[in-house]
Amino acid sequence: MQGGTGGMSEEMAGRHEILLTLVAAGAARPPPLNVWVKR
């Protein structure tokens, strides 16, 4: 991870939030994509 401008960290935080949401959704109801990724 690179430390830089506030804008960059802000973007990273936004992406992290989206990732957390996706992970939460996957934990609640694992999609078939998980199987593909595991393979």
N, C-alpha and C. Protein backbone atom coordinates (compact mmCIF):
# COMPACT_ATOMS: atom_id res chain seq x y z
N MET A 1 0.86 -1.20 0.00
CA MET A 1 0.00 0.00 0.00
C MET A 1 0.88 1.25 0.00
N GLN A 2 0.49 2.22 -0.77
CA GLN A 2 1.28 3.44 -0.88
C GLN A 2 0.61 4.58 -0.12
N GLY A 3 1.42 5.32 0.64
CA GLY A 3 0.87 6.50 1.33
C GLY A 3 1.08 7.71 0.45
N GLY A 4 0.02 8.47 0.19
CA GLY A 4 0.18 9.60 -0.72
C GLY A 4 -0.80 10.71 -0.40
N THR A 5 -1.42 11.25 -1.44
CA THR A 5 -2.33 12.38 -1.26
C THR A 5 -3.61 11.93 -0.56
N GLY A 6 -4.32 12.89 0.03
CA GLY A 6 -5.57 12.58 0.72
C GLY A 6 -6.58 12.01 -0.25
N GLY A 7 -6.56 12.52 -1.48
CA GLY A 7 -7.52 12.04 -2.48
C GLY A 7 -7.34 10.55 -2.72
N MET A 8 -6.09 10.12 -2.77
CA MET A 8 -5.81 8.71 -3.02
C MET A 8 -6.35 7.86 -1.88
N SER A 9 -6.04 8.25 -0.63
CA SER A 9 -6.51 7.48 0.52
C SER A 9 -8.04 7.47 0.55
N GLU A 10 -8.62 8.58 0.13
CA GLU A 10 -10.09 8.66 0.11
C GLU A 10 -10.63 7.62 -0.88
N GLU A 11 -9.99 7.55 -2.05
CA GLU A 11 -10.43 6.60 -3.06
C GLU A 11 -10.26 5.17 -2.53
N MET A 12 -9.13 4.93 -1.88
CA MET A 12 -8.87 3.60 -1.34
C MET A 12 -9.93 3.23 -0.30
N ALA A 13 -10.28 4.19 0.55
CA ALA A 13 -11.29 3.94 1.58
C ALA A 13 -12.61 3.57 0.92
N GLY A 14 -12.96 4.29 -0.14
CA GLY A 14 -14.21 4.00 -0.85
C GLY A 14 -14.18 2.60 -1.43
N ARG A 15 -13.05 2.25 -2.02
CA ARG A 15 -12.93 0.91 -2.60
C ARG A 15 -13.02 -0.15 -1.51
N HIS A 16 -12.37 0.13 -0.39
CA HIS A 16 -12.38 -0.82 0.72
C HIS A 16 -13.81 -1.03 1.21
N GLU A 17 -14.56 0.06 1.26
CA GLU A 17 -15.96 -0.03 1.71
C GLU A 17 -16.73 -0.95 0.77
N ILE A 18 -16.52 -0.78 -0.54
CA ILE A 18 -17.22 -1.60 -1.53
C ILE A 18 -16.80 -3.06 -1.35
N LEU A 19 -15.51 -3.28 -1.14
CA LEU A 19 -15.02 -4.65 -0.97
C LEU A 19 -15.66 -5.29 0.26
N LEU A 20 -15.73 -4.52 1.35
CA LEU A 20 -16.34 -5.05 2.57
C LEU A 20 -17.79 -5.42 2.32
N THR A 21 -18.50 -4.57 1.56
CA THR A 21 -19.91 -4.85 1.25
C THR A 21 -20.01 -6.13 0.44
N LEU A 22 -19.12 -6.28 -0.55
CA LEU A 22 -19.15 -7.48 -1.39
C LEU A 22 -18.85 -8.72 -0.55
N VAL A 23 -17.87 -8.59 0.34
CA VAL A 23 -17.50 -9.73 1.19
C VAL A 23 -18.68 -10.10 2.09
N ALA A 24 -19.34 -9.09 2.65
CA ALA A 24 -20.49 -9.34 3.52
C ALA A 24 -21.59 -10.05 2.74
N ALA A 25 -21.83 -9.59 1.51
CA ALA A 25 -22.87 -10.21 0.68
C ALA A 25 -22.48 -11.65 0.36
N GLY A 26 -21.19 -11.87 0.08
CA GLY A 26 -20.73 -13.22 -0.23
C GLY A 26 -20.87 -14.14 0.98
N ALA A 27 -20.59 -13.62 2.17
CA ALA A 27 -20.70 -14.43 3.38
C ALA A 27 -22.16 -14.79 3.64
N ALA A 28 -23.05 -13.85 3.37
CA ALA A 28 -24.47 -14.09 3.61
C ALA A 28 -25.01 -15.09 2.58
N ARG A 29 -24.54 -14.96 1.33
CA ARG A 29 -25.03 -15.86 0.28
C ARG A 29 -23.91 -16.04 -0.74
N PRO A 30 -23.05 -17.04 -0.54
CA PRO A 30 -21.90 -17.26 -1.44
C PRO A 30 -22.34 -17.48 -2.87
N PRO A 31 -21.86 -16.66 -3.80
CA PRO A 31 -22.21 -16.79 -5.21
C PRO A 31 -21.38 -17.88 -5.88
N PRO A 32 -21.83 -18.38 -7.02
CA PRO A 32 -21.09 -19.42 -7.75
C PRO A 32 -19.71 -18.94 -8.17
N LEU A 33 -19.53 -17.61 -8.23
CA LEU A 33 -18.23 -17.06 -8.62
C LEU A 33 -17.16 -17.50 -7.63
N ASN A 34 -17.53 -17.68 -6.36
CA ASN A 34 -16.56 -18.11 -5.36
C ASN A 34 -15.93 -19.43 -5.77
N VAL A 35 -16.75 -20.33 -6.32
CA VAL A 35 -16.25 -21.63 -6.74
C VAL A 35 -15.23 -21.45 -7.86
N TRP A 36 -15.54 -20.54 -8.78
CA TRP A 36 -14.62 -20.29 -9.90
C TRP A 36 -13.30 -19.75 -9.39
N VAL A 37 -13.38 -18.82 -8.42
CA VAL A 37 -12.16 -18.22 -7.89
C VAL A 37 -11.33 -19.28 -7.17
N LYS A 38 -11.99 -20.15 -6.42
CA LYS A 38 -11.28 -21.20 -5.68
C LYS A 38 -10.54 -22.10 -6.66
N ARG A 39 -11.14 -22.39 -7.79
CA ARG A 39 -10.51 -23.23 -8.80
C ARG A 39 -9.39 -22.48 -9.39
